[in-house]
C-alpha atoms as a PDB file:
ATOM      1  CA  UNK A   1      -0.014   0.056   0.161  1.00  0.00           C
ATOM      2  CA  UNK A   2       1.547   3.224  -0.545  1.00  0.00           C
ATOM      3  CA  UNK A   3      -0.526   7.366  -0.873  1.00  0.00           C
ATOM      4  CA  UNK A   4      -1.104   7.647  -4.548  1.00  0.00           C
ATOM      5  CA  UNK A   5      -3.324   9.748  -6.717  1.00  0.00           C
ATOM      6  CA  UNK A   6      -6.920   8.230  -7.490  1.00  0.00           C
ATOM      7  CA  UNK A   7      -8.216   8.754 -10.997  1.00  0.00           C
ATOM      8  CA  UNK A   8     -11.943   7.646  -8.835  1.00  0.00           C
ATOM      9  CA  UNK A   9     -11.515   9.612  -6.494  1.00  0.00           C
ATOM     10  CA  UNK A  10      -9.665  12.820  -7.396  1.00  0.00           C
ATOM     11  CA  UNK A  11      -7.686  12.721  -4.591  1.00  0.00           C
ATOM     12  CA  UNK A  12      -4.449  11.067  -2.707  1.00  0.00           C
ATOM     13  CA  UNK A  13      -5.629   7.920  -0.883  1.00  0.00           C
ATOM     14  CA  UNK A  14      -3.322   4.956   0.029  1.00  0.00           C
ATOM     15  CA  UNK A  15      -4.265   1.961  -1.918  1.00  0.00           C
ATOM     16  CA  UNK A  16      -2.383  -0.591  -3.949  1.00  0.00           C
ATOM     17  CA  UNK A  17      -1.668   0.854  -7.779  1.00  0.00           C
ATOM     18  CA  UNK A  18      -2.558  -1.774 -10.315  1.00  0.00           C
ATOM     19  CA  UNK A  19      -1.235  -1.253 -14.370  1.00  0.00           C
ATOM     20  CA  UNK A  20      -2.978  -3.889 -16.194  1.00  0.00           C
ATOM     21  CA  UNK A  21      -3.197  -4.349 -20.381  1.00  0.00           C
ATOM     22  CA  UNK A  22      -6.664  -5.619 -21.494  1.00  0.00           C
ATOM     23  CA  UNK A  23      -8.086  -6.990 -24.833  1.00  0.00           C
ATOM     24  CA  UNK A  24     -11.023  -5.966 -26.000  1.00  0.00           C
ATOM     25  CA  UNK A  25     -12.355  -8.202 -28.827  1.00  0.00           C
ATOM     26  CA  UNK A  26     -15.349  -5.750 -30.727  1.00  0.00           C
ATOM     27  CA  UNK A  27     -16.690  -9.271 -32.633  1.00  0.00           C
ATOM     28  CA  UNK A  28     -17.536 -10.563 -29.355  1.00  0.00           C
ATOM     29  CA  UNK A  29     -17.722  -7.939 -26.924  1.00  0.00           C
ATOM     30  CA  UNK A  30     -15.392  -9.588 -24.328  1.00  0.00           C
ATOM     31  CA  UNK A  31     -12.678  -8.348 -22.486  1.00  0.00           C
ATOM     32  CA  UNK A  32      -9.549 -10.394 -21.307  1.00  0.00           C
ATOM     33  CA  UNK A  33      -6.880  -9.363 -19.277  1.00  0.00           C
ATOM     34  CA  UNK A  34      -3.620  -9.871 -20.607  1.00  0.00           C
ATOM     35  CA  UNK A  35      -1.585  -8.245 -18.293  1.00  0.00           C
ATOM     36  CA  UNK A  36      -0.763  -6.695 -15.014  1.00  0.00           C
ATOM     37  CA  UNK A  37       1.583  -4.891 -12.443  1.00  0.00           C
ATOM     38  CA  UNK A  38       1.711  -4.062  -9.323  1.00  0.00           C
ATOM     39  CA  UNK A  39       3.145  -0.505  -9.210  1.00  0.00           C
ATOM     40  CA  UNK A  40       5.532  -0.211  -6.421  1.00  0.00           C
ATOM     41  CA  UNK A  41       8.217   2.048  -7.712  1.00  0.00           C
ATOM     42  CA  UNK A  42       9.940   1.833  -3.914  1.00  0.00           C
ATOM     43  CA  UNK A  43      10.529  -1.785  -4.891  1.00  0.00           C
ATOM     44  CA  UNK A  44      11.201  -2.563  -8.439  1.00  0.00           C
ATOM     45  CA  UNK A  45      12.485   0.994  -9.481  1.00  0.00           C
ATOM     46  CA  UNK A  46      10.361   0.883 -12.317  1.00  0.00           C
ATOM     47  CA  UNK A  47       7.786   3.672 -13.302  1.00  0.00           C
ATOM     48  CA  UNK A  48       3.937   3.057 -14.921  1.00  0.00           C
ATOM     49  CA  UNK A  49       5.417   3.752 -18.732  1.00  0.00           C
ATOM     50  CA  UNK A  50       7.857   0.852 -17.886  1.00  0.00           C
ATOM     51  CA  UNK A  51       5.454  -0.907 -17.009  1.00  0.00           C
ATOM     52  CA  UNK A  52       3.217  -0.476 -19.596  1.00  0.00           C
ATOM     53  CA  UNK A  53       5.834  -0.297 -22.162  1.00  0.00           C
ATOM     54  CA  UNK A  54       6.408  -4.038 -21.180  1.00  0.00           C
ATOM     55  CA  UNK A  55       3.354  -4.990 -21.302  1.00  0.00           C
ATOM     56  CA  UNK A  56       2.538  -4.032 -24.824  1.00  0.00           C
ATOM     57  CA  UNK A  57       6.327  -5.050 -26.456  1.00  0.00           C
ATOM     58  CA  UNK A  58       5.058  -8.475 -24.619  1.00  0.00           C
ATOM     59  CA  UNK A  59       1.669  -8.976 -26.076  1.00  0.00           C
ATOM     60  CA  UNK A  60       3.327  -7.917 -29.456  1.00  0.00           C
ATOM     61  CA  UNK A  61       6.841 -10.340 -28.753  1.00  0.00           C
ATOM     62  CA  UNK A  62       6.191 -12.624 -26.573  1.00  0.00           C
ATOM     63  CA  UNK A  63       2.111 -13.489 -27.380  1.00  0.00           C
ATOM     64  CA  UNK A  64       2.432 -12.655 -30.851  1.00  0.00           C
ATOM     65  CA  UNK A  65      -1.810 -11.344 -30.129  1.00  0.00           C
ATOM     66  CA  UNK A  66      -2.858  -9.544 -33.030  1.00  0.00           C
ATOM     67  CA  UNK A  67      -4.046  -6.355 -32.837  1.00  0.00           C
ATOM     68  CA  UNK A  68      -4.712  -2.945 -34.416  1.00  0.00           C
ATOM     69  CA  UNK A  69      -5.403  -0.084 -32.271  1.00  0.00           C
ATOM     70  CA  UNK A  70      -4.489   0.654 -28.518  1.00  0.00           C
ATOM     71  CA  UNK A  71      -6.535   2.630 -26.065  1.00  0.00           C
ATOM     72  CA  UNK A  72      -5.080   4.180 -22.824  1.00  0.00           C
ATOM     73  CA  UNK A  73      -5.424   6.891 -20.578  1.00  0.00           C
ATOM     74  CA  UNK A  74      -4.508  10.883 -20.653  1.00  0.00           C
ATOM     75  CA  UNK A  75      -1.144   9.654 -18.242  1.00  0.00           C
ATOM     76  CA  UNK A  76       0.323   7.372 -20.241  1.00  0.00           C
ATOM     77  CA  UNK A  77       0.229   9.954 -23.508  1.00  0.00           C
ATOM     78  CA  UNK A  78       3.812  10.717 -23.587  1.00  0.00           C
ATOM     79  CA  UNK A  79       6.267  10.963 -26.757  1.00  0.00           C
ATOM     80  CA  UNK A  80       7.922   7.374 -25.276  1.00  0.00           C
ATOM     81  CA  UNK A  81       4.405   5.470 -25.457  1.00  0.00           C
ATOM     82  CA  UNK A  82       2.684   6.802 -28.593  1.00  0.00           C
ATOM     83  CA  UNK A  83       6.394   6.467 -30.431  1.00  0.00           C
ATOM     84  CA  UNK A  84       6.697   2.917 -29.446  1.00  0.00           C
ATOM     85  CA  UNK A  85       2.840   2.174 -30.966  1.00  0.00           C
ATOM     86  CA  UNK A  86       3.944   4.396 -33.869  1.00  0.00           C
ATOM     87  CA  UNK A  87       6.791   1.859 -34.421  1.00  0.00           C
ATOM     88  CA  UNK A  88       5.121  -1.133 -34.295  1.00  0.00           C
ATOM     89  CA  UNK A  89       2.530   0.144 -36.833  1.00  0.00           C
ATOM     90  CA  UNK A  90      -0.650   0.044 -34.640  1.00  0.00           C
ATOM     91  CA  UNK A  91      -2.811   2.908 -33.963  1.00  0.00           C
ATOM     92  CA  UNK A  92      -3.901   4.739 -30.522  1.00  0.00           C
ATOM     93  CA  UNK A  93      -6.096   7.053 -29.377  1.00  0.00           C
ATOM     94  CA  UNK A  94      -5.918   8.760 -25.760  1.00  0.00           C
ATOM     95  CA  UNK A  95      -7.326  11.920 -24.278  1.00  0.00           C
ATOM     96  CA  UNK A  96      -5.044  14.395 -23.358  1.00  0.00           C
ATOM     97  CA  UNK A  97      -5.749  16.723 -20.595  1.00  0.00           C
ATOM     98  CA  UNK A  98      -6.446  20.244 -21.488  1.00  0.00           C
ATOM     99  CA  UNK A  99      -3.072  21.908 -19.922  1.00  0.00           C
ATOM    100  CA  UNK A 100      -0.859  19.847 -22.982  1.00  0.00           C
ATOM    101  CA  UNK A 101       0.113  22.114 -25.134  1.00  0.00           C
ATOM    102  CA  UNK A 102       0.006  22.112 -28.373  1.00  0.00           C
ATOM    103  CA  UNK A 103       0.137  23.397 -32.157  1.00  0.00           C
ATOM    104  CA  UNK A 104      -2.172  23.979 -34.551  1.00  0.00           C
ATOM    105  CA  UNK A 105      -0.886  26.454 -36.281  1.00  0.00           C
ATOM    106  CA  UNK A 106       2.096  25.192 -37.771  1.00  0.00           C
ATOM    107  CA  UNK A 107       4.498  26.842 -36.086  1.00  0.00           C
ATOM    108  CA  UNK A 108       3.280  30.044 -37.004  1.00  0.00           C
ATOM    109  CA  UNK A 109       2.505  30.845 -33.205  1.00  0.00           C
ATOM    110  CA  UNK A 110       3.442  30.161 -30.221  1.00  0.00           C
ATOM    111  CA  UNK A 111       1.953  26.211 -28.487  1.00  0.00           C
ATOM    112  CA  UNK A 112      -0.714  26.941 -26.594  1.00  0.00           C
ATOM    113  CA  UNK A 113      -3.029  24.436 -24.060  1.00  0.00           C
ATOM    114  CA  UNK A 114      -5.454  22.889 -25.752  1.00  0.00           C
ATOM    115  CA  UNK A 115      -7.793  24.247 -23.877  1.00  0.00           C
ATOM    116  CA  UNK A 116      -7.191  28.038 -25.755  1.00  0.00           C
ATOM    117  CA  UNK A 117      -7.526  26.283 -29.057  1.00  0.00           C
ATOM    118  CA  UNK A 118     -10.086  27.202 -32.006  1.00  0.00           C
ATOM    119  CA  UNK A 119     -12.228  25.018 -33.239  1.00  0.00           C
ATOM    120  CA  UNK A 120     -14.424  25.852 -36.878  1.00  0.00           C
ATOM    121  CA  UNK A 121     -17.199  23.444 -37.127  1.00  0.00           C
ATOM    122  CA  UNK A 122     -15.693  21.174 -39.591  1.00  0.00           C
ATOM    123  CA  UNK A 123     -12.686  20.623 -37.463  1.00  0.00           C
ATOM    124  CA  UNK A 124     -15.758  20.066 -34.542  1.00  0.00           C
ATOM    125  CA  UNK A 125     -16.622  17.039 -36.596  1.00  0.00           C
ATOM    126  CA  UNK A 126     -13.706  15.738 -38.012  1.00  0.00           C
ATOM    127  CA  UNK A 127     -10.613  16.944 -35.764  1.00  0.00           C
ATOM    128  CA  UNK A 128      -8.029  19.294 -36.346  1.00  0.00           C
ATOM    129  CA  UNK A 129      -4.376  17.806 -36.913  1.00  0.00           C
ATOM    130  CA  UNK A 130      -1.522  19.493 -34.345  1.00  0.00           C
ATOM    131  CA  UNK A 131       1.695  18.772 -32.868  1.00  0.00           C
ATOM    132  CA  UNK A 132       2.051  18.572 -29.911  1.00  0.00           C
ATOM    133  CA  UNK A 133       4.902  19.927 -27.901  1.00  0.00           C
ATOM    134  CA  UNK A 134       7.655  17.396 -27.084  1.00  0.00           C
ATOM    135  CA  UNK A 135       7.439  15.538 -29.838  1.00  0.00           C
ATOM    136  CA  UNK A 136       9.235  14.739 -33.106  1.00  0.00           C
ATOM    137  CA  UNK A 137       9.149  17.603 -35.460  1.00  0.00           C
ATOM    138  CA  UNK A 138       7.189  16.304 -38.224  1.00  0.00           C
ATOM    139  CA  UNK A 139       5.249  13.844 -35.812  1.00  0.00           C
ATOM    140  CA  UNK A 140       1.297  14.892 -36.472  1.00  0.00           C
ATOM    141  CA  UNK A 141      -1.111  13.527 -34.604  1.00  0.00           C
ATOM    142  CA  UNK A 142      -4.991  14.168 -35.155  1.00  0.00           C
ATOM    143  CA  UNK A 143      -6.935  15.635 -31.926  1.00  0.00           C
ATOM    144  CA  UNK A 144     -10.873  15.429 -31.847  1.00  0.00           C
ATOM    145  CA  UNK A 145     -13.230  17.973 -29.429  1.00  0.00           C
ATOM    146  CA  UNK A 146     -15.581  14.466 -28.395  1.00  0.00           C
ATOM    147  CA  UNK A 147     -18.369  16.036 -25.642  1.00  0.00           C
ATOM    148  CA  UNK A 148     -19.213  13.118 -23.837  1.00  0.00           C
ATOM    149  CA  UNK A 149     -22.120  14.393 -21.946  1.00  0.00           C
ATOM    150  CA  UNK A 150     -23.964  17.470 -21.362  1.00  0.00           C
ATOM    151  CA  UNK A 151     -21.067  17.955 -18.322  1.00  0.00           C
ATOM    152  CA  UNK A 152     -17.865  16.004 -20.145  1.00  0.00           C
ATOM    153  CA  UNK A 153     -15.822  17.246 -22.831  1.00  0.00           C
ATOM    154  CA  UNK A 154     -12.699  15.261 -23.937  1.00  0.00           C
ATOM    155  CA  UNK A 155      -9.878  16.078 -25.912  1.00  0.00           C
ATOM    156  CA  UNK A 156      -8.774  12.443 -28.068  1.00  0.00           C
ATOM    157  CA  UNK A 157      -5.823  12.148 -29.866  1.00  0.00           C
ATOM    158  CA  UNK A 158      -4.552   9.991 -32.213  1.00  0.00           C
ATOM    159  CA  UNK A 159      -2.238   8.735 -34.973  1.00  0.00           C
ATOM    160  CA  UNK A 160      -4.420   7.667 -37.308  1.00  0.00           C
ATOM    161  CA  UNK A 161      -4.910  10.720 -39.564  1.00  0.00           C
ATOM    162  CA  UNK A 162      -6.916   9.445 -42.091  1.00  0.00           C
ATOM    163  CA  UNK A 163      -9.502   9.089 -39.113  1.00  0.00           C
ATOM    164  CA  UNK A 164     -12.268  11.593 -40.446  1.00  0.00           C
ATOM    165  CA  UNK A 165     -15.639  11.536 -37.890  1.00  0.00           C
ATOM    166  CA  UNK A 166     -16.066  12.941 -34.254  1.00  0.00           C
ATOM    167  CA  UNK A 167     -18.825  10.670 -33.582  1.00  0.00           C
ATOM    168  CA  UNK A 168     -16.553   7.604 -34.058  1.00  0.00           C
ATOM    169  CA  UNK A 169     -13.791   8.459 -32.133  1.00  0.00           C
END
């Protein structure tokens, strides 16, 4: 047990940190736990990102599980994991926090938080191409403004630049 932030509680609590890798089969609508790790950096000196990277590599190299897409939480939307998934020629989707710095002007303006982006009607429907600060210069992704409910909006990013439907995202 350790003190850690809980996304469910929206505060720091005492608990066991579990990092998991779940497979979802869209045809059967079933979930399978492929791997999980106890997050205990004091004993194993690994970050959550280290654990996720090991699990993804294990699924690809050891289990040889065929999959096309990785869905992940905003906590894991790091250049390191996104590049790993890109290099495996897989697609990722993950929400980004509204304070994440991005550029939608092709370098004309400075990076700004997602919250400060302006969206025209076609971008709301089809997404917009952006560069995330800290990513390689030529690495572009597509950002979608998804209204989840009346009081919840998510900004979801993907490396699938051909994706053109906010509804599908």
